[in-house]
């Protein structure tokens, strides 16, 4: 009788061990399956800028250099403060609403990117100073001892505008003001609003970014020509 009980116990142990192993193995498989079913982490937004700018030396300009110009930091009263979002508007559906692309960002706030383009264009024939630099406070003997004029720019619109689902453009609108610094205060030399609209090659963030970069280059060229026309 005792031998019979021992035999039953001996044969029962391997069976229970096998059952435990199968249970643990099944739980492990479920755990692996559960891990593979977890959502993947969200992809990072794509970063954009205006491109490398001029990559070759510009041809020498034989014209006389223009007077130095102080460029103030570009302000952006028409955009969310400090935002790097790539913004678009639907002109056919609530055009007053600025919407951000979820997976696209500027590498810097648009005002800073635009300032770089302005500096590139304005600096082709003149020295460009920061408005708060000491050099901008030094009188230029070649200009009768006057202080450099100051260019102030306000960015009012900077968005990918959709006229329809398939027709869109990059729109840049800014207000440029040139003032002279005199002993009696600032003297207005000129003010003008510039608006440039460049068709987008595609109805997505990449198309809007390219159009806005092209529009920014064009508006910077127009501002540089205008500043020269106002006599500074």
C-alpha atoms as a PDB file:
ATOM      1  CA  UNK A   1       0.000   0.000   0.000  1.00  0.00           C
ATOM      2  CA  UNK A   2       2.809   2.416   0.926  1.00  0.00           C
ATOM      3  CA  UNK A   3       4.596   1.600  -2.330  1.00  0.00           C
ATOM      4  CA  UNK A   4       1.434   2.280  -4.259  1.00  0.00           C
ATOM      5  CA  UNK A   5       1.052   5.709  -2.611  1.00  0.00           C
ATOM      6  CA  UNK A   6       4.697   6.543  -3.318  1.00  0.00           C
ATOM      7  CA  UNK A   7       4.281   5.565  -6.955  1.00  0.00           C
ATOM      8  CA  UNK A   8       1.192   7.736  -7.286  1.00  0.00           C
ATOM      9  CA  UNK A   9       2.980  10.692  -5.652  1.00  0.00           C
ATOM     10  CA  UNK A  10       6.043  10.212  -7.833  1.00  0.00           C
ATOM     11  CA  UNK A  11       4.001  10.098 -11.000  1.00  0.00           C
ATOM     12  CA  UNK A  12       1.842  13.058  -9.922  1.00  0.00           C
ATOM     13  CA  UNK A  13       4.798  15.450  -9.325  1.00  0.00           C
ATOM     14  CA  UNK A  14       6.112  15.491 -12.881  1.00  0.00           C
ATOM     15  CA  UNK A  15       2.591  16.037 -14.139  1.00  0.00           C
ATOM     16  CA  UNK A  16       2.041  19.052 -11.881  1.00  0.00           C
ATOM     17  CA  UNK A  17       5.493  20.415 -12.728  1.00  0.00           C
ATOM     18  CA  UNK A  18       4.711  20.141 -16.386  1.00  0.00           C
ATOM     19  CA  UNK A  19       1.432  21.947 -15.794  1.00  0.00           C
ATOM     20  CA  UNK A  20       3.205  24.737 -13.936  1.00  0.00           C
ATOM     21  CA  UNK A  21       5.765  25.080 -16.733  1.00  0.00           C
ATOM     22  CA  UNK A  22       3.014  25.291 -19.348  1.00  0.00           C
ATOM     23  CA  UNK A  23       1.220  27.952 -17.310  1.00  0.00           C
ATOM     24  CA  UNK A  24       4.359  30.051 -16.865  1.00  0.00           C
ATOM     25  CA  UNK A  25       5.211  29.693 -20.551  1.00  0.00           C
ATOM     26  CA  UNK A  26       1.703  30.773 -21.555  1.00  0.00           C
ATOM     27  CA  UNK A  27       1.880  33.817 -19.298  1.00  0.00           C
ATOM     28  CA  UNK A  28       5.242  34.721 -20.834  1.00  0.00           C
ATOM     29  CA  UNK A  29       3.801  34.526 -24.327  1.00  0.00           C
ATOM     30  CA  UNK A  30       0.912  36.737 -23.311  1.00  0.00           C
ATOM     31  CA  UNK A  31       3.378  39.250 -21.865  1.00  0.00           C
ATOM     32  CA  UNK A  32       5.383  39.322 -25.089  1.00  0.00           C
ATOM     33  CA  UNK A  33       2.218  39.708 -27.123  1.00  0.00           C
ATOM     34  CA  UNK A  34       1.098  42.503 -24.840  1.00  0.00           C
ATOM     35  CA  UNK A  35       4.398  44.349 -25.272  1.00  0.00           C
ATOM     36  CA  UNK A  36       4.216  44.094 -29.050  1.00  0.00           C
ATOM     37  CA  UNK A  37       0.703  45.506 -28.945  1.00  0.00           C
ATOM     38  CA  UNK A  38       1.765  48.661 -27.074  1.00  0.00           C
ATOM     39  CA  UNK A  39       1.520  51.859 -29.151  1.00  0.00           C
ATOM     40  CA  UNK A  40       4.805  53.071 -30.610  1.00  0.00           C
ATOM     41  CA  UNK A  41       6.111  56.383 -29.235  1.00  0.00           C
ATOM     42  CA  UNK A  42       5.008  59.433 -31.239  1.00  0.00           C
ATOM     43  CA  UNK A  43       7.434  60.595 -33.907  1.00  0.00           C
ATOM     44  CA  UNK A  44       9.266  63.858 -33.325  1.00  0.00           C
ATOM     45  CA  UNK A  45       8.162  66.895 -35.340  1.00  0.00           C
ATOM     46  CA  UNK A  46      10.271  67.681 -38.396  1.00  0.00           C
ATOM     47  CA  UNK A  47      12.409  70.814 -37.959  1.00  0.00           C
ATOM     48  CA  UNK A  48      12.583  73.367 -40.784  1.00  0.00           C
ATOM     49  CA  UNK A  49      14.459  76.577 -41.481  1.00  0.00           C
ATOM     50  CA  UNK A  50      14.911  78.777 -44.570  1.00  0.00           C
ATOM     51  CA  UNK A  51      17.744  76.708 -46.010  1.00  0.00           C
ATOM     52  CA  UNK A  52      21.486  77.397 -46.104  1.00  0.00           C
ATOM     53  CA  UNK A  53      21.264  80.760 -47.850  1.00  0.00           C
ATOM     54  CA  UNK A  54      24.077  81.729 -50.240  1.00  0.00           C
ATOM     55  CA  UNK A  55      26.608  78.880 -50.461  1.00  0.00           C
ATOM     56  CA  UNK A  56      29.031  80.638 -52.806  1.00  0.00           C
ATOM     57  CA  UNK A  57      30.782  83.987 -52.612  1.00  0.00           C
ATOM     58  CA  UNK A  58      28.697  86.770 -54.119  1.00  0.00           C
ATOM     59  CA  UNK A  59      30.214  88.529 -57.139  1.00  0.00           C
ATOM     60  CA  UNK A  60      32.037  91.708 -56.208  1.00  0.00           C
ATOM     61  CA  UNK A  61      29.858  94.813 -56.322  1.00  0.00           C
ATOM     62  CA  UNK A  62      31.731  97.748 -57.867  1.00  0.00           C
ATOM     63  CA  UNK A  63      29.174 100.263 -56.660  1.00  0.00           C
ATOM     64  CA  UNK A  64      30.045 102.480 -53.709  1.00  0.00           C
ATOM     65  CA  UNK A  65      29.088 100.944 -50.359  1.00  0.00           C
ATOM     66  CA  UNK A  66      25.975 102.281 -48.679  1.00  0.00           C
ATOM     67  CA  UNK A  67      25.968 103.833 -45.192  1.00  0.00           C
ATOM     68  CA  UNK A  68      25.847 101.440 -42.212  1.00  0.00           C
ATOM     69  CA  UNK A  69      22.364 100.486 -41.036  1.00  0.00           C
ATOM     70  CA  UNK A  70      21.222  99.391 -37.587  1.00  0.00           C
ATOM     71  CA  UNK A  71      18.736  96.507 -37.720  1.00  0.00           C
ATOM     72  CA  UNK A  72      16.501  96.177 -34.671  1.00  0.00           C
ATOM     73  CA  UNK A  73      15.224  92.783 -33.570  1.00  0.00           C
ATOM     74  CA  UNK A  74      12.247  91.789 -35.700  1.00  0.00           C
ATOM     75  CA  UNK A  75       9.025  91.840 -33.705  1.00  0.00           C
ATOM     76  CA  UNK A  76       6.076  89.573 -34.472  1.00  0.00           C
ATOM     77  CA  UNK A  77       2.863  91.065 -33.073  1.00  0.00           C
ATOM     78  CA  UNK A  78       0.815  88.976 -35.511  1.00  0.00           C
ATOM     79  CA  UNK A  79       2.133  85.607 -34.289  1.00  0.00           C
ATOM     80  CA  UNK A  80       1.956  83.625 -31.034  1.00  0.00           C
ATOM     81  CA  UNK A  81       4.803  84.863 -28.846  1.00  0.00           C
ATOM     82  CA  UNK A  82       7.909  82.671 -28.946  1.00  0.00           C
ATOM     83  CA  UNK A  83       6.174  79.932 -30.944  1.00  0.00           C
ATOM     84  CA  UNK A  84       8.074  77.723 -33.401  1.00  0.00           C
ATOM     85  CA  UNK A  85       4.900  76.248 -34.893  1.00  0.00           C
ATOM     86  CA  UNK A  86       4.399  76.118 -38.653  1.00  0.00           C
ATOM     87  CA  UNK A  87       1.012  77.811 -39.029  1.00  0.00           C
ATOM     88  CA  UNK A  88      -1.640  77.584 -41.718  1.00  0.00           C
ATOM     89  CA  UNK A  89      -5.025  79.134 -42.462  1.00  0.00           C
ATOM     90  CA  UNK A  90      -8.039  77.808 -44.348  1.00  0.00           C
ATOM     91  CA  UNK A  91      -9.399  80.811 -46.235  1.00  0.00           C
ATOM     92  CA  UNK A  92     -12.489  78.800 -47.166  1.00  0.00           C
ATOM     93  CA  UNK A  93     -13.242  77.685 -43.580  1.00  0.00           C
ATOM     94  CA  UNK A  94     -12.752  80.173 -40.737  1.00  0.00           C
ATOM     95  CA  UNK A  95      -9.856  82.183 -42.160  1.00  0.00           C
ATOM     96  CA  UNK A  96      -9.451  83.989 -38.822  1.00  0.00           C
ATOM     97  CA  UNK A  97      -8.122  80.824 -37.173  1.00  0.00           C
ATOM     98  CA  UNK A  98      -4.392  80.075 -37.177  1.00  0.00           C
ATOM     99  CA  UNK A  99      -3.777  76.329 -37.034  1.00  0.00           C
ATOM    100  CA  UNK A 100      -0.437  74.617 -36.291  1.00  0.00           C
ATOM    101  CA  UNK A 101       0.861  71.624 -38.210  1.00  0.00           C
ATOM    102  CA  UNK A 102       1.217  68.864 -35.611  1.00  0.00           C
ATOM    103  CA  UNK A 103       4.400  67.311 -37.024  1.00  0.00           C
ATOM    104  CA  UNK A 104       6.305  70.387 -38.258  1.00  0.00           C
ATOM    105  CA  UNK A 105       8.262  73.047 -36.385  1.00  0.00           C
ATOM    106  CA  UNK A 106      10.563  75.928 -37.264  1.00  0.00           C
ATOM    107  CA  UNK A 107      14.071  75.598 -35.856  1.00  0.00           C
ATOM    108  CA  UNK A 108      13.654  79.134 -34.435  1.00  0.00           C
ATOM    109  CA  UNK A 109      10.710  81.528 -34.118  1.00  0.00           C
ATOM    110  CA  UNK A 110       9.851  82.926 -37.591  1.00  0.00           C
ATOM    111  CA  UNK A 111      10.869  86.458 -36.557  1.00  0.00           C
ATOM    112  CA  UNK A 112      14.435  85.280 -35.946  1.00  0.00           C
ATOM    113  CA  UNK A 113      14.581  83.390 -39.247  1.00  0.00           C
ATOM    114  CA  UNK A 114      13.305  86.459 -41.083  1.00  0.00           C
ATOM    115  CA  UNK A 115      15.898  88.640 -39.357  1.00  0.00           C
ATOM    116  CA  UNK A 116      18.647  86.395 -40.730  1.00  0.00           C
ATOM    117  CA  UNK A 117      17.268  86.801 -44.267  1.00  0.00           C
ATOM    118  CA  UNK A 118      17.049  90.568 -43.867  1.00  0.00           C
ATOM    119  CA  UNK A 119      20.629  90.722 -42.626  1.00  0.00           C
ATOM    120  CA  UNK A 120      21.806  88.676 -45.629  1.00  0.00           C
ATOM    121  CA  UNK A 121      20.056  90.894 -48.170  1.00  0.00           C
ATOM    122  CA  UNK A 122      20.757  94.249 -46.538  1.00  0.00           C
ATOM    123  CA  UNK A 123      24.386  93.336 -45.927  1.00  0.00           C
ATOM    124  CA  UNK A 124      25.267  92.874 -49.575  1.00  0.00           C
ATOM    125  CA  UNK A 125      26.204  96.558 -49.948  1.00  0.00           C
ATOM    126  CA  UNK A 126      26.457  97.898 -46.421  1.00  0.00           C
ATOM    127  CA  UNK A 127      27.491  97.075 -42.878  1.00  0.00           C
ATOM    128  CA  UNK A 128      24.547  95.826 -40.811  1.00  0.00           C
ATOM    129  CA  UNK A 129      24.729  96.599 -37.103  1.00  0.00           C
ATOM    130  CA  UNK A 130      22.610  95.420 -34.219  1.00  0.00           C
ATOM    131  CA  UNK A 131      20.539  98.323 -32.969  1.00  0.00           C
ATOM    132  CA  UNK A 132      21.721  97.825 -29.387  1.00  0.00           C
ATOM    133  CA  UNK A 133      25.420  97.434 -30.247  1.00  0.00           C
ATOM    134  CA  UNK A 134      27.949 100.107 -29.347  1.00  0.00           C
ATOM    135  CA  UNK A 135      28.862 100.466 -33.032  1.00  0.00           C
ATOM    136  CA  UNK A 136      25.288 101.534 -33.764  1.00  0.00           C
ATOM    137  CA  UNK A 137      25.713 104.384 -31.272  1.00  0.00           C
ATOM    138  CA  UNK A 138      28.887 105.700 -32.936  1.00  0.00           C
ATOM    139  CA  UNK A 139      28.607 108.666 -35.259  1.00  0.00           C
ATOM    140  CA  UNK A 140      29.769 108.119 -38.827  1.00  0.00           C
ATOM    141  CA  UNK A 141      32.215 110.808 -39.954  1.00  0.00           C
ATOM    142  CA  UNK A 142      31.582 109.867 -43.582  1.00  0.00           C
ATOM    143  CA  UNK A 143      27.907 110.736 -43.037  1.00  0.00           C
ATOM    144  CA  UNK A 144      28.457 114.118 -41.438  1.00  0.00           C
ATOM    145  CA  UNK A 145      28.744 112.758 -37.921  1.00  0.00           C
ATOM    146  CA  UNK A 146      25.260 111.230 -37.967  1.00  0.00           C
ATOM    147  CA  UNK A 147      24.277 108.049 -36.196  1.00  0.00           C
ATOM    148  CA  UNK A 148      23.352 105.089 -38.419  1.00  0.00           C
ATOM    149  CA  UNK A 149      19.689 104.941 -39.389  1.00  0.00           C
ATOM    150  CA  UNK A 150      17.604 102.260 -37.697  1.00  0.00           C
ATOM    151  CA  UNK A 151      15.383  99.767 -39.514  1.00  0.00           C
ATOM    152  CA  UNK A 152      12.529  98.305 -37.493  1.00  0.00           C
ATOM    153  CA  UNK A 153      10.416  95.432 -38.819  1.00  0.00           C
ATOM    154  CA  UNK A 154       7.118  94.063 -37.511  1.00  0.00           C
ATOM    155  CA  UNK A 155       6.029  90.668 -38.843  1.00  0.00           C
ATOM    156  CA  UNK A 156       2.241  90.786 -39.164  1.00  0.00           C
ATOM    157  CA  UNK A 157       1.454  87.612 -41.146  1.00  0.00           C
ATOM    158  CA  UNK A 158       3.480  84.457 -41.675  1.00  0.00           C
ATOM    159  CA  UNK A 159       1.329  81.501 -42.632  1.00  0.00           C
ATOM    160  CA  UNK A 160       0.559  78.821 -45.196  1.00  0.00           C
ATOM    161  CA  UNK A 161      -2.736  80.078 -46.625  1.00  0.00           C
ATOM    162  CA  UNK A 162      -5.146  77.661 -48.330  1.00  0.00           C
ATOM    163  CA  UNK A 163      -7.538  79.229 -50.832  1.00  0.00           C
ATOM    164  CA  UNK A 164      -8.884  75.703 -51.394  1.00  0.00           C
ATOM    165  CA  UNK A 165      -7.814  72.186 -50.505  1.00  0.00           C
ATOM    166  CA  UNK A 166      -5.442  72.104 -53.491  1.00  0.00           C
ATOM    167  CA  UNK A 167      -4.504  75.795 -53.926  1.00  0.00           C
ATOM    168  CA  UNK A 168      -2.226  77.307 -51.289  1.00  0.00           C
ATOM    169  CA  UNK A 169       0.589  79.820 -50.842  1.00  0.00           C
ATOM    170  CA  UNK A 170       3.065  81.084 -48.300  1.00  0.00           C
ATOM    171  CA  UNK A 171       2.084  84.597 -47.203  1.00  0.00           C
ATOM    172  CA  UNK A 172       4.480  87.024 -45.521  1.00  0.00           C
ATOM    173  CA  UNK A 173       3.347  90.508 -44.531  1.00  0.00           C
ATOM    174  CA  UNK A 174       5.519  92.931 -42.605  1.00  0.00           C
ATOM    175  CA  UNK A 175       5.747  96.614 -41.732  1.00  0.00           C
ATOM    176  CA  UNK A 176       9.157  98.255 -42.178  1.00  0.00           C
ATOM    177  CA  UNK A 177      10.081 101.589 -40.612  1.00  0.00           C
ATOM    178  CA  UNK A 178      13.294 103.581 -41.080  1.00  0.00           C
ATOM    179  CA  UNK A 179      14.162 106.297 -38.573  1.00  0.00           C
ATOM    180  CA  UNK A 180      17.116 108.629 -38.082  1.00  0.00           C
ATOM    181  CA  UNK A 181      18.433 109.170 -34.567  1.00  0.00           C
ATOM    182  CA  UNK A 182      18.811 112.897 -33.918  1.00  0.00           C
ATOM    183  CA  UNK A 183      19.582 114.955 -30.794  1.00  0.00           C
ATOM    184  CA  UNK A 184      15.880 115.768 -30.646  1.00  0.00           C
ATOM    185  CA  UNK A 185      14.774 112.129 -30.889  1.00  0.00           C
ATOM    186  CA  UNK A 186      13.773 109.849 -33.740  1.00  0.00           C
ATOM    187  CA  UNK A 187      12.969 111.315 -37.152  1.00  0.00           C
ATOM    188  CA  UNK A 188      10.844 109.188 -39.462  1.00  0.00           C
ATOM    189  CA  UNK A 189      12.358 108.654 -42.888  1.00  0.00           C
ATOM    190  CA  UNK A 190       9.826 106.195 -44.226  1.00  0.00           C
ATOM    191  CA  UNK A 191       7.394 103.408 -43.482  1.00  0.00           C
ATOM    192  CA  UNK A 192       5.889 100.787 -45.764  1.00  0.00           C
ATOM    193  CA  UNK A 193       3.916  97.546 -45.599  1.00  0.00           C
ATOM    194  CA  UNK A 194       5.233  94.671 -47.715  1.00  0.00           C
ATOM    195  CA  UNK A 195       3.150  91.641 -48.664  1.00  0.00           C
ATOM    196  CA  UNK A 196       4.534  88.692 -50.610  1.00  0.00           C
ATOM    197  CA  UNK A 197       2.554  85.622 -51.611  1.00  0.00           C
ATOM    198  CA  UNK A 198       4.420  82.625 -53.072  1.00  0.00           C
ATOM    199  CA  UNK A 199       2.533  79.564 -54.418  1.00  0.00           C
ATOM    200  CA  UNK A 200       3.179  76.326 -52.516  1.00  0.00           C
ATOM    201  CA  UNK A 201       4.323  73.278 -54.462  1.00  0.00           C
ATOM    202  CA  UNK A 202       2.272  70.923 -52.279  1.00  0.00           C
ATOM    203  CA  UNK A 203      -0.648  71.161 -49.870  1.00  0.00           C
ATOM    204  CA  UNK A 204       1.273  70.078 -46.779  1.00  0.00           C
ATOM    205  CA  UNK A 205       3.764  71.371 -44.241  1.00  0.00           C
ATOM    206  CA  UNK A 206       6.776  70.822 -46.511  1.00  0.00           C
ATOM    207  CA  UNK A 207       5.128  72.779 -49.316  1.00  0.00           C
ATOM    208  CA  UNK A 208       4.140  75.582 -46.976  1.00  0.00           C
ATOM    209  CA  UNK A 209       7.612  75.836 -45.461  1.00  0.00           C
ATOM    210  CA  UNK A 210       9.270  76.074 -48.883  1.00  0.00           C
ATOM    211  CA  UNK A 211       6.799  78.749 -49.991  1.00  0.00           C
ATOM    212  CA  UNK A 212       7.327  80.783 -46.817  1.00  0.00           C
ATOM    213  CA  UNK A 213      11.109  80.561 -47.183  1.00  0.00           C
ATOM    214  CA  UNK A 214      10.899  81.822 -50.777  1.00  0.00           C
ATOM    215  CA  UNK A 215       8.484  84.580 -49.784  1.00  0.00           C
ATOM    216  CA  UNK A 216      10.821  85.661 -46.974  1.00  0.00           C
ATOM    217  CA  UNK A 217      13.764  85.929 -49.363  1.00  0.00           C
ATOM    218  CA  UNK A 218      11.687  87.981 -51.790  1.00  0.00           C
ATOM    219  CA  UNK A 219      10.362  90.342 -49.133  1.00  0.00           C
ATOM    220  CA  UNK A 220      13.885  90.829 -47.750  1.00  0.00           C
ATOM    221  CA  UNK A 221      15.053  91.844 -51.230  1.00  0.00           C
ATOM    222  CA  UNK A 222      12.171  94.301 -51.550  1.00  0.00           C
ATOM    223  CA  UNK A 223      12.919  95.821 -48.149  1.00  0.00           C
ATOM    224  CA  UNK A 224      16.606  96.235 -49.057  1.00  0.00           C
ATOM    225  CA  UNK A 225      15.693  98.048 -52.289  1.00  0.00           C
ATOM    226  CA  UNK A 226      13.195 100.278 -50.490  1.00  0.00           C
ATOM    227  CA  UNK A 227      15.657 101.242 -47.732  1.00  0.00           C
ATOM    228  CA  UNK A 228      18.070 102.355 -50.443  1.00  0.00           C
ATOM    229  CA  UNK A 229      15.313 104.408 -52.088  1.00  0.00           C
ATOM    230  CA  UNK A 230      14.516 106.301 -48.886  1.00  0.00           C
ATOM    231  CA  UNK A 231      18.100 107.480 -48.891  1.00  0.00           C
ATOM    232  CA  UNK A 232      19.721 105.219 -46.301  1.00  0.00           C
END
